[in-house]
C-alpha atoms as a PDB file:
ATOM      1  CA  MET A   1       0.508  16.205 -12.298  1.00  0.00           C
ATOM      2  CA  ARG A   2      -2.766  15.363 -10.645  1.00  0.00           C
ATOM      3  CA  GLY A   3      -2.779  18.192  -8.108  1.00  0.00           C
ATOM      4  CA  ASP A   4      -4.615  20.555 -10.403  1.00  0.00           C
ATOM      5  CA  ARG A   5      -7.754  18.423 -10.089  1.00  0.00           C
ATOM      6  CA  LEU A   6      -7.850  17.902  -6.385  1.00  0.00           C
ATOM      7  CA  THR A   7      -9.149  19.885  -3.434  1.00  0.00           C
ATOM      8  CA  VAL A   8      -8.401  19.524   0.250  1.00  0.00           C
ATOM      9  CA  GLY A   9     -11.911  18.212   0.812  1.00  0.00           C
ATOM     10  CA  ILE A  10     -11.322  15.404  -1.713  1.00  0.00           C
ATOM     11  CA  LEU A  11      -8.033  14.553   0.003  1.00  0.00           C
ATOM     12  CA  ILE A  12      -9.720  14.060   3.350  1.00  0.00           C
ATOM     13  CA  ALA A  13     -12.427  11.858   1.861  1.00  0.00           C
ATOM     14  CA  THR A  14      -9.903   9.866  -0.172  1.00  0.00           C
ATOM     15  CA  SER A  15      -7.710   9.333   2.867  1.00  0.00           C
ATOM     16  CA  ALA A  16     -10.592   8.010   4.939  1.00  0.00           C
ATOM     17  CA  PHE A  17     -11.533   5.522   2.209  1.00  0.00           C
ATOM     18  CA  LEU A  18      -8.057   4.277   1.271  1.00  0.00           C
ATOM     19  CA  LEU A  19      -6.859   3.700   4.838  1.00  0.00           C
ATOM     20  CA  VAL A  20      -9.155   0.668   4.943  1.00  0.00           C
ATOM     21  CA  SER A  21      -7.182  -2.561   4.456  1.00  0.00           C
ATOM     22  CA  CYS A  22      -7.699  -4.307   1.128  1.00  0.00           C
ATOM     23  CA  SER A  23      -6.165  -7.778   1.465  1.00  0.00           C
ATOM     24  CA  ASN A  24      -7.291  -8.889  -1.998  1.00  0.00           C
ATOM     25  CA  GLU A  25      -5.116  -6.201  -3.596  1.00  0.00           C
ATOM     26  CA  GLY A  26      -1.978  -7.352  -1.809  1.00  0.00           C
ATOM     27  CA  GLU A  27      -2.602 -11.043  -2.543  1.00  0.00           C
ATOM     28  CA  ARG A  28      -3.021 -10.373  -6.275  1.00  0.00           C
ATOM     29  CA  ILE A  29       0.200  -8.354  -6.462  1.00  0.00           C
ATOM     30  CA  VAL A  30       2.209 -10.945  -4.514  1.00  0.00           C
ATOM     31  CA  ALA A  31       0.869 -13.672  -6.813  1.00  0.00           C
ATOM     32  CA  GLU A  32       1.970 -11.714  -9.904  1.00  0.00           C
ATOM     33  CA  LEU A  33       5.500 -11.246  -8.492  1.00  0.00           C
ATOM     34  CA  THR A  34       5.845 -14.928  -7.494  1.00  0.00           C
ATOM     35  CA  PRO A  35       7.353 -17.043 -10.299  1.00  0.00           C
ATOM     36  CA  SER A  36       5.195 -20.006 -11.262  1.00  0.00           C
ATOM     37  CA  SER A  37       6.614 -23.506 -10.745  1.00  0.00           C
ATOM     38  CA  PRO A  38       7.836 -25.248 -13.938  1.00  0.00           C
ATOM     39  CA  THR A  39       5.856 -28.191 -15.201  1.00  0.00           C
ATOM     40  CA  ASN A  40       7.688 -31.504 -14.899  1.00  0.00           C
ATOM     41  CA  VAL A  41       7.241 -33.591 -18.044  1.00  0.00           C
ATOM     42  CA  GLN A  42       7.922 -37.346 -17.743  1.00  0.00           C
ATOM     43  CA  ALA A  43       8.347 -39.713 -20.681  1.00  0.00           C
ATOM     44  CA  THR A  44       5.957 -42.649 -20.891  1.00  0.00           C
ATOM     45  CA  PRO A  45       7.904 -45.850 -19.959  1.00  0.00           C
ATOM     46  CA  GLY A  46       8.419 -48.413 -22.701  1.00  0.00           C
ATOM     47  CA  GLY A  47       6.733 -51.837 -22.902  1.00  0.00           C
ATOM     48  CA  THR A  48       8.063 -54.937 -21.066  1.00  0.00           C
ATOM     49  CA  LYS A  49       8.768 -58.446 -22.282  1.00  0.00           C
ATOM     50  CA  THR A  50       6.849 -61.446 -20.909  1.00  0.00           C
ATOM     51  CA  PRO A  51       9.265 -64.226 -19.846  1.00  0.00           C
ATOM     52  CA  PRO A  52       8.559 -67.761 -21.099  1.00  0.00           C
ATOM     53  CA  THR A  53       6.720 -70.135 -18.743  1.00  0.00           C
ATOM     54  CA  ALA A  54       8.135 -73.413 -17.467  1.00  0.00           C
ATOM     55  CA  ALA A  55       5.791 -75.408 -19.729  1.00  0.00           C
ATOM     56  CA  GLN A  56       7.327 -74.003 -22.867  1.00  0.00           C
ATOM     57  CA  THR A  57       9.821 -76.344 -24.588  1.00  0.00           C
ATOM     58  CA  ALA A  58      10.607 -74.335 -27.694  1.00  0.00           C
ATOM     59  CA  THR A  59      12.115 -70.909 -27.634  1.00  0.00           C
ATOM     60  CA  PRO A  60       9.485 -68.531 -29.036  1.00  0.00           C
ATOM     61  CA  THR A  61      10.342 -66.004 -31.656  1.00  0.00           C
ATOM     62  CA  PRO A  62      10.885 -62.715 -29.789  1.00  0.00           C
ATOM     63  CA  SER A  63       8.372 -60.042 -30.560  1.00  0.00           C
ATOM     64  CA  ALA A  64       9.386 -56.480 -31.195  1.00  0.00           C
ATOM     65  CA  THR A  65       9.213 -54.128 -28.227  1.00  0.00           C
ATOM     66  CA  PRO A  66       6.690 -51.329 -28.901  1.00  0.00           C
ATOM     67  CA  THR A  67       8.286 -47.952 -29.410  1.00  0.00           C
ATOM     68  CA  PRO A  68       7.476 -45.718 -26.418  1.00  0.00           C
ATOM     69  CA  THR A  69       5.177 -42.823 -27.214  1.00  0.00           C
ATOM     70  CA  SER A  70       6.654 -39.579 -25.954  1.00  0.00           C
ATOM     71  CA  THR A  71       4.470 -37.124 -24.086  1.00  0.00           C
ATOM     72  CA  PRO A  72       4.165 -33.883 -26.070  1.00  0.00           C
ATOM     73  CA  THR A  73       5.827 -30.875 -24.483  1.00  0.00           C
ATOM     74  CA  PRO A  74       3.233 -28.306 -23.368  1.00  0.00           C
ATOM     75  CA  THR A  75       3.285 -25.116 -25.430  1.00  0.00           C
ATOM     76  CA  PRO A  76       3.705 -22.091 -23.123  1.00  0.00           C
ATOM     77  CA  THR A  77       1.172 -19.287 -23.418  1.00  0.00           C
ATOM     78  CA  PRO A  78       2.848 -16.256 -25.038  1.00  0.00           C
ATOM     79  CA  ASP A  79       3.333 -13.331 -22.647  1.00  0.00           C
ATOM     80  CA  PRO A  80       1.505 -10.303 -24.098  1.00  0.00           C
ATOM     81  CA  LEU A  81       3.779  -7.911 -22.187  1.00  0.00           C
ATOM     82  CA  PRO A  82       5.205  -5.488 -22.948  1.00  0.00           C
ATOM     83  CA  MET A  83       2.562  -3.817 -25.112  1.00  0.00           C
ATOM     84  CA  VAL A  84       3.581  -0.528 -26.761  1.00  0.00           C
ATOM     85  CA  PHE A  85       1.211   2.013 -28.311  1.00  0.00           C
ATOM     86  CA  SER A  86       1.774   5.473 -29.743  1.00  0.00           C
ATOM     87  CA  GLY A  87      -0.486   8.043 -31.298  1.00  0.00           C
ATOM     88  CA  ASN A  88      -1.347  11.649 -31.901  1.00  0.00           C
ATOM     89  CA  GLY A  89      -4.462  13.241 -30.497  1.00  0.00           C
ATOM     90  CA  PRO A  90      -7.520  11.501 -28.991  1.00  0.00           C
ATOM     91  CA  ASP A  91      -7.661   7.717 -29.341  1.00  0.00           C
ATOM     92  CA  ILE A  92      -8.749   4.408 -27.764  1.00  0.00           C
ATOM     93  CA  VAL A  93      -6.180   1.750 -26.769  1.00  0.00           C
ATOM     94  CA  ASP A  94      -7.337  -1.881 -26.482  1.00  0.00           C
ATOM     95  CA  ILE A  95      -5.497  -3.757 -23.681  1.00  0.00           C
ATOM     96  CA  ARG A  96      -7.893  -6.693 -23.250  1.00  0.00           C
ATOM     97  CA  ALA A  97      -5.057  -9.116 -24.022  1.00  0.00           C
ATOM     98  CA  ILE A  98      -3.611  -8.780 -20.485  1.00  0.00           C
ATOM     99  CA  GLY A  99      -6.879  -9.710 -18.750  1.00  0.00           C
ATOM    100  CA  ASP A 100      -6.912  -8.823 -15.060  1.00  0.00           C
ATOM    101  CA  THR A 101      -3.145  -9.183 -14.550  1.00  0.00           C
ATOM    102  CA  PRO A 102      -1.645  -6.501 -12.258  1.00  0.00           C
ATOM    103  CA  ALA A 103       0.791  -4.522 -14.388  1.00  0.00           C
ATOM    104  CA  LEU A 104       2.521  -1.167 -14.875  1.00  0.00           C
ATOM    105  CA  LEU A 105       1.126   1.581 -17.104  1.00  0.00           C
ATOM    106  CA  TYR A 106       3.845   3.871 -18.504  1.00  0.00           C
ATOM    107  CA  VAL A 107       2.583   7.085 -20.094  1.00  0.00           C
ATOM    108  CA  LYS A 108       4.464   9.917 -21.815  1.00  0.00           C
ATOM    109  CA  GLY A 109       2.986  12.918 -23.632  1.00  0.00           C
ATOM    110  CA  ASN A 110       1.589  16.449 -23.610  1.00  0.00           C
ATOM    111  CA  SER A 111       4.683  18.378 -24.652  1.00  0.00           C
ATOM    112  CA  SER A 112       2.306  21.093 -25.883  1.00  0.00           C
ATOM    113  CA  ARG A 113       1.018  21.660 -22.318  1.00  0.00           C
ATOM    114  CA  ARG A 114      -2.645  21.253 -23.219  1.00  0.00           C
ATOM    115  CA  HIS A 115      -5.148  18.999 -21.426  1.00  0.00           C
ATOM    116  CA  PHE A 116      -3.858  15.425 -21.318  1.00  0.00           C
ATOM    117  CA  ALA A 117      -5.758  12.514 -19.764  1.00  0.00           C
ATOM    118  CA  VAL A 118      -5.722   8.712 -19.817  1.00  0.00           C
ATOM    119  CA  THR A 119      -8.918   7.101 -18.526  1.00  0.00           C
ATOM    120  CA  GLY A 120      -9.524   3.385 -18.039  1.00  0.00           C
ATOM    121  CA  TYR A 121     -12.740   1.510 -18.900  1.00  0.00           C
ATOM    122  CA  ASP A 122     -13.811  -2.088 -18.366  1.00  0.00           C
ATOM    123  CA  ALA A 123     -15.313  -4.385 -21.015  1.00  0.00           C
ATOM    124  CA  ASN A 124     -18.788  -3.008 -20.236  1.00  0.00           C
ATOM    125  CA  GLN A 125     -17.677   0.612 -20.806  1.00  0.00           C
ATOM    126  CA  GLY A 126     -17.659   1.355 -17.065  1.00  0.00           C
ATOM    127  CA  ARG A 127     -14.907   3.712 -15.905  1.00  0.00           C
ATOM    128  CA  THR A 128     -12.193   2.024 -13.833  1.00  0.00           C
ATOM    129  CA  ASP A 129      -9.664   4.779 -13.130  1.00  0.00           C
ATOM    130  CA  LEU A 130      -8.367   8.183 -14.171  1.00  0.00           C
ATOM    131  CA  PHE A 131      -4.691   7.296 -14.604  1.00  0.00           C
ATOM    132  CA  VAL A 132      -3.440  10.667 -15.878  1.00  0.00           C
ATOM    133  CA  ASN A 133      -5.102  14.097 -15.807  1.00  0.00           C
ATOM    134  CA  THR A 134      -2.867  17.115 -16.257  1.00  0.00           C
ATOM    135  CA  THR A 135      -1.999  20.214 -18.259  1.00  0.00           C
ATOM    136  CA  ASP A 136       1.743  19.716 -17.705  1.00  0.00           C
ATOM    137  CA  PRO A 137       4.112  17.623 -19.834  1.00  0.00           C
ATOM    138  CA  TYR A 138       3.823  14.120 -18.382  1.00  0.00           C
ATOM    139  CA  GLU A 139       6.002  11.048 -17.992  1.00  0.00           C
ATOM    140  CA  GLY A 140       5.316   8.483 -15.297  1.00  0.00           C
ATOM    141  CA  ILE A 141       4.357   4.969 -14.252  1.00  0.00           C
ATOM    142  CA  VAL A 142       1.058   4.145 -12.546  1.00  0.00           C
ATOM    143  CA  PRO A 143      -0.454   0.849 -11.309  1.00  0.00           C
ATOM    144  CA  LEU A 144      -2.871  -1.062 -13.538  1.00  0.00           C
ATOM    145  CA  ASN A 145      -5.409  -3.673 -12.326  1.00  0.00           C
ATOM    146  CA  PHE A 146      -4.255  -3.504  -8.703  1.00  0.00           C
ATOM    147  CA  SER A 147      -7.720  -3.315  -7.125  1.00  0.00           C
ATOM    148  CA  GLY A 148      -8.881  -6.872  -7.846  1.00  0.00           C
ATOM    149  CA  TYR A 149     -12.487  -5.807  -8.419  1.00  0.00           C
ATOM    150  CA  GLU A 150     -12.045  -3.731 -11.608  1.00  0.00           C
ATOM    151  CA  THR A 151     -10.293  -4.851 -14.791  1.00  0.00           C
ATOM    152  CA  THR A 152      -9.278  -2.221 -17.323  1.00  0.00           C
ATOM    153  CA  ALA A 153      -9.940  -3.322 -20.911  1.00  0.00           C
ATOM    154  CA  PHE A 154      -9.622  -0.013 -22.753  1.00  0.00           C
ATOM    155  CA  LEU A 155      -7.689   3.232 -22.309  1.00  0.00           C
ATOM    156  CA  GLU A 156      -9.240   6.455 -23.563  1.00  0.00           C
ATOM    157  CA  VAL A 157      -6.571   9.037 -24.437  1.00  0.00           C
ATOM    158  CA  THR A 158      -7.471  12.722 -24.449  1.00  0.00           C
ATOM    159  CA  ALA A 159      -4.590  14.622 -26.025  1.00  0.00           C
ATOM    160  CA  THR A 160      -3.424  17.379 -28.333  1.00  0.00           C
ATOM    161  CA  GLY A 161      -0.180  16.091 -29.780  1.00  0.00           C
ATOM    162  CA  SER A 162       1.830  12.894 -29.664  1.00  0.00           C
ATOM    163  CA  TRP A 163       1.856  10.349 -26.827  1.00  0.00           C
ATOM    164  CA  THR A 164       3.258   6.923 -25.918  1.00  0.00           C
ATOM    165  CA  ILE A 165       1.724   4.223 -23.717  1.00  0.00           C
ATOM    166  CA  GLU A 166       3.387   0.983 -22.594  1.00  0.00           C
ATOM    167  CA  ILE A 167       1.900  -1.874 -20.578  1.00  0.00           C
ATOM    168  CA  ARG A 168       4.819  -3.424 -18.669  1.00  0.00           C
ATOM    169  CA  SER A 169       5.221  -6.423 -16.402  1.00  0.00           C
ATOM    170  CA  LEU A 170       5.140  -5.635 -12.687  1.00  0.00           C
ATOM    171  CA  ARG A 171       8.520  -7.383 -12.438  1.00  0.00           C
ATOM    172  CA  THR A 172      10.137  -4.516 -14.382  1.00  0.00           C
ATOM    173  CA  ALA A 173       9.433  -1.994 -11.600  1.00  0.00           C
ATOM    174  CA  ARG A 174      12.294  -0.256  -9.784  1.00  0.00           C
ATOM    175  CA  VAL A 175      13.518  -1.951  -6.594  1.00  0.00           C
ATOM    176  CA  GLY A 176      13.715  -0.329  -3.139  1.00  0.00           C
ATOM    177  CA  ARG A 177      15.686  -2.387  -0.614  1.00  0.00           C
ATOM    178  CA  SER A 178      15.858  -2.093   3.167  1.00  0.00           C
ATOM    179  CA  GLY A 179      18.602   0.262   4.306  1.00  0.00           C
ATOM    180  CA  GLU A 180      18.688   2.078   0.967  1.00  0.00           C
ATOM    181  CA  VAL A 181      17.212   5.317  -0.371  1.00  0.00           C
ATOM    182  CA  ILE A 182      15.340   5.374  -3.665  1.00  0.00           C
ATOM    183  CA  SER A 183      14.489   8.693  -5.289  1.00  0.00           C
ATOM    184  CA  GLY A 184      12.483   9.795  -8.274  1.00  0.00           C
ATOM    185  CA  LYS A 185      10.346  12.430  -9.948  1.00  0.00           C
ATOM    186  CA  GLY A 186       6.659  12.090 -10.726  1.00  0.00           C
ATOM    187  CA  ASP A 187       4.508   8.967 -10.592  1.00  0.00           C
ATOM    188  CA  ASP A 188       6.246   5.623 -10.028  1.00  0.00           C
ATOM    189  CA  VAL A 189       5.801   2.064  -8.735  1.00  0.00           C
ATOM    190  CA  ILE A 190       8.465   0.429  -6.537  1.00  0.00           C
ATOM    191  CA  ILE A 191       8.979  -3.253  -5.636  1.00  0.00           C
ATOM    192  CA  THR A 192      10.244  -3.810  -2.066  1.00  0.00           C
ATOM    193  CA  PRO A 193      11.817  -7.271  -1.647  1.00  0.00           C
ATOM    194  CA  GLY A 194      12.684  -8.242   1.926  1.00  0.00           C
ATOM    195  CA  HIS A 195       9.454  -6.794   3.352  1.00  0.00           C
ATOM    196  CA  PRO A 196      10.701  -3.562   5.007  1.00  0.00           C
ATOM    197  CA  VAL A 197       8.930  -2.349   8.152  1.00  0.00           C
ATOM    198  CA  PHE A 198       9.330   1.443   7.933  1.00  0.00           C
ATOM    199  CA  ALA A 199       9.347   4.051   5.169  1.00  0.00           C
ATOM    200  CA  GLU A 200      10.883   7.505   5.636  1.00  0.00           C
ATOM    201  CA  ILE A 201       9.355   9.734   2.947  1.00  0.00           C
ATOM    202  CA  THR A 202      10.287  13.222   1.732  1.00  0.00           C
ATOM    203  CA  GLY A 203       8.831  15.208  -1.158  1.00  0.00           C
ATOM    204  CA  ASN A 204       6.330  17.615  -2.694  1.00  0.00           C
ATOM    205  CA  SER A 205       8.342  20.827  -2.476  1.00  0.00           C
ATOM    206  CA  SER A 206       6.102  22.200  -5.252  1.00  0.00           C
ATOM    207  CA  LYS A 207       3.059  21.765  -2.981  1.00  0.00           C
ATOM    208  CA  ARG A 208       0.982  19.907  -5.555  1.00  0.00           C
ATOM    209  CA  TYR A 209      -0.691  16.555  -4.819  1.00  0.00           C
ATOM    210  CA  PHE A 210       1.556  13.946  -3.162  1.00  0.00           C
ATOM    211  CA  GLY A 211       0.403  10.436  -2.344  1.00  0.00           C
ATOM    212  CA  VAL A 212       2.212   7.238  -1.320  1.00  0.00           C
ATOM    213  CA  LYS A 213       0.410   3.904  -0.953  1.00  0.00           C
ATOM    214  CA  ALA A 214       1.892   0.549   0.152  1.00  0.00           C
ATOM    215  CA  TYR A 215       0.630  -2.945  -0.718  1.00  0.00           C
ATOM    216  CA  GLY A 216       1.375  -6.084   1.308  1.00  0.00           C
ATOM    217  CA  LYS A 217      -0.966  -8.452   3.129  1.00  0.00           C
ATOM    218  CA  THR A 218      -3.135  -5.328   3.275  1.00  0.00           C
ATOM    219  CA  SER A 219      -2.825  -1.886   1.675  1.00  0.00           C
ATOM    220  CA  LYS A 220      -2.196   1.428   3.430  1.00  0.00           C
ATOM    221  CA  LEU A 221      -2.172   5.067   2.314  1.00  0.00           C
ATOM    222  CA  LEU A 222       1.038   6.443   3.843  1.00  0.00           C
ATOM    223  CA  VAL A 223       0.902   9.999   2.458  1.00  0.00           C
ATOM    224  CA  ASN A 224      -2.020  12.032   1.094  1.00  0.00           C
ATOM    225  CA  THR A 225      -1.336  15.767   1.006  1.00  0.00           C
ATOM    226  CA  THR A 226      -0.857  18.963  -1.002  1.00  0.00           C
ATOM    227  CA  ASP A 227       1.768  20.277   1.451  1.00  0.00           C
ATOM    228  CA  GLN A 228       5.513  19.714   1.435  1.00  0.00           C
ATOM    229  CA  TYR A 229       6.068  16.435   3.291  1.00  0.00           C
ATOM    230  CA  SER A 230       8.690  14.736   5.438  1.00  0.00           C
ATOM    231  CA  GLY A 231       7.872  11.873   7.775  1.00  0.00           C
ATOM    232  CA  LYS A 232       8.149   8.207   8.703  1.00  0.00           C
ATOM    233  CA  SER A 233       5.418   5.570   8.464  1.00  0.00           C
ATOM    234  CA  ILE A 234       4.911   1.928   9.423  1.00  0.00           C
ATOM    235  CA  LEU A 235       4.367  -0.246   6.359  1.00  0.00           C
ATOM    236  CA  PRO A 236       1.706  -2.970   6.096  1.00  0.00           C
ATOM    237  CA  GLN A 237       2.881  -6.487   6.939  1.00  0.00           C
ATOM    238  CA  GLU A 238       4.939  -8.070   4.127  1.00  0.00           C
ATOM    239  CA  THR A 239       4.905  -4.946   1.941  1.00  0.00           C
ATOM    240  CA  ILE A 240       5.858  -5.861  -1.627  1.00  0.00           C
ATOM    241  CA  VAL A 241       4.905  -2.769  -3.682  1.00  0.00           C
ATOM    242  CA  VAL A 242       4.841   1.000  -3.012  1.00  0.00           C
ATOM    243  CA  VAL A 243       3.027   3.383  -5.376  1.00  0.00           C
ATOM    244  CA  VAL A 244       4.065   7.069  -5.548  1.00  0.00           C
ATOM    245  CA  THR A 245       1.793   9.766  -7.005  1.00  0.00           C
ATOM    246  CA  ALA A 246       3.732  13.020  -7.319  1.00  0.00           C
ATOM    247  CA  ALA A 247       4.305  16.121  -9.417  1.00  0.00           C
ATOM    248  CA  GLY A 248       7.941  16.647  -8.478  1.00  0.00           C
ATOM    249  CA  ASP A 249      10.953  15.143  -6.717  1.00  0.00           C
ATOM    250  CA  TRP A 250      10.669  12.664  -3.838  1.00  0.00           C
ATOM    251  CA  GLN A 251      12.743  10.111  -1.958  1.00  0.00           C
ATOM    252  CA  ILE A 252      11.985   7.101   0.257  1.00  0.00           C
ATOM    253  CA  ARG A 253      14.249   5.219   2.650  1.00  0.00           C
ATOM    254  CA  PHE A 254      13.099   1.695   3.576  1.00  0.00           C
ATOM    255  CA  ASP A 255      14.122   0.035   6.868  1.00  0.00           C
END
């Protein structure tokens, strides 16, 4: 879906830039996929009685024990995800509620095969990313707020016709396990528990743009081509997420 806007020269330049390790990206994604520890709430102990001293001859009237004051239970912050939006034609979608949380951006639209684009902007109206840009009917999942240095606050939709956008938790991504093959069509984001070492990748029979990027302790661009592709790559250490950018069918085996 993105191949119609790319040239071979851009691919070479993009490959040279994205092969540089970006440890901050991987750390942010791992943090989002790691469940937070529950807060232990302890009740405040009740009061104690003071025993009579030896000098006392009369038994004092017992005083009432103060009622313990319970510690209020913390109110959890509501999770804004998922967020679902739909519309028809050009529009602006406000996603400031998620802050800088790494998430999944699901987009579907352009059944009329016109120009369809979804562009991200930060709170200062600076462009963050071109998430979708195609003249084909589109349905796919792309990463949101993965970079760590840009936070998308608004989505600008350029469309002729109806569209749907969902902001989903990263934990809802499909899972690719070691020793198994996962396949798909179009853009997608895959979680890889168990930290596989290798990825055997096949795809792009339509010879459009095909990219595969892995995130772990660092990030690595595994595939960046407009040719049909089949090959095996070493993944970054402790890979936890793999992002596929594609216009057609693909499959990945993790080992």
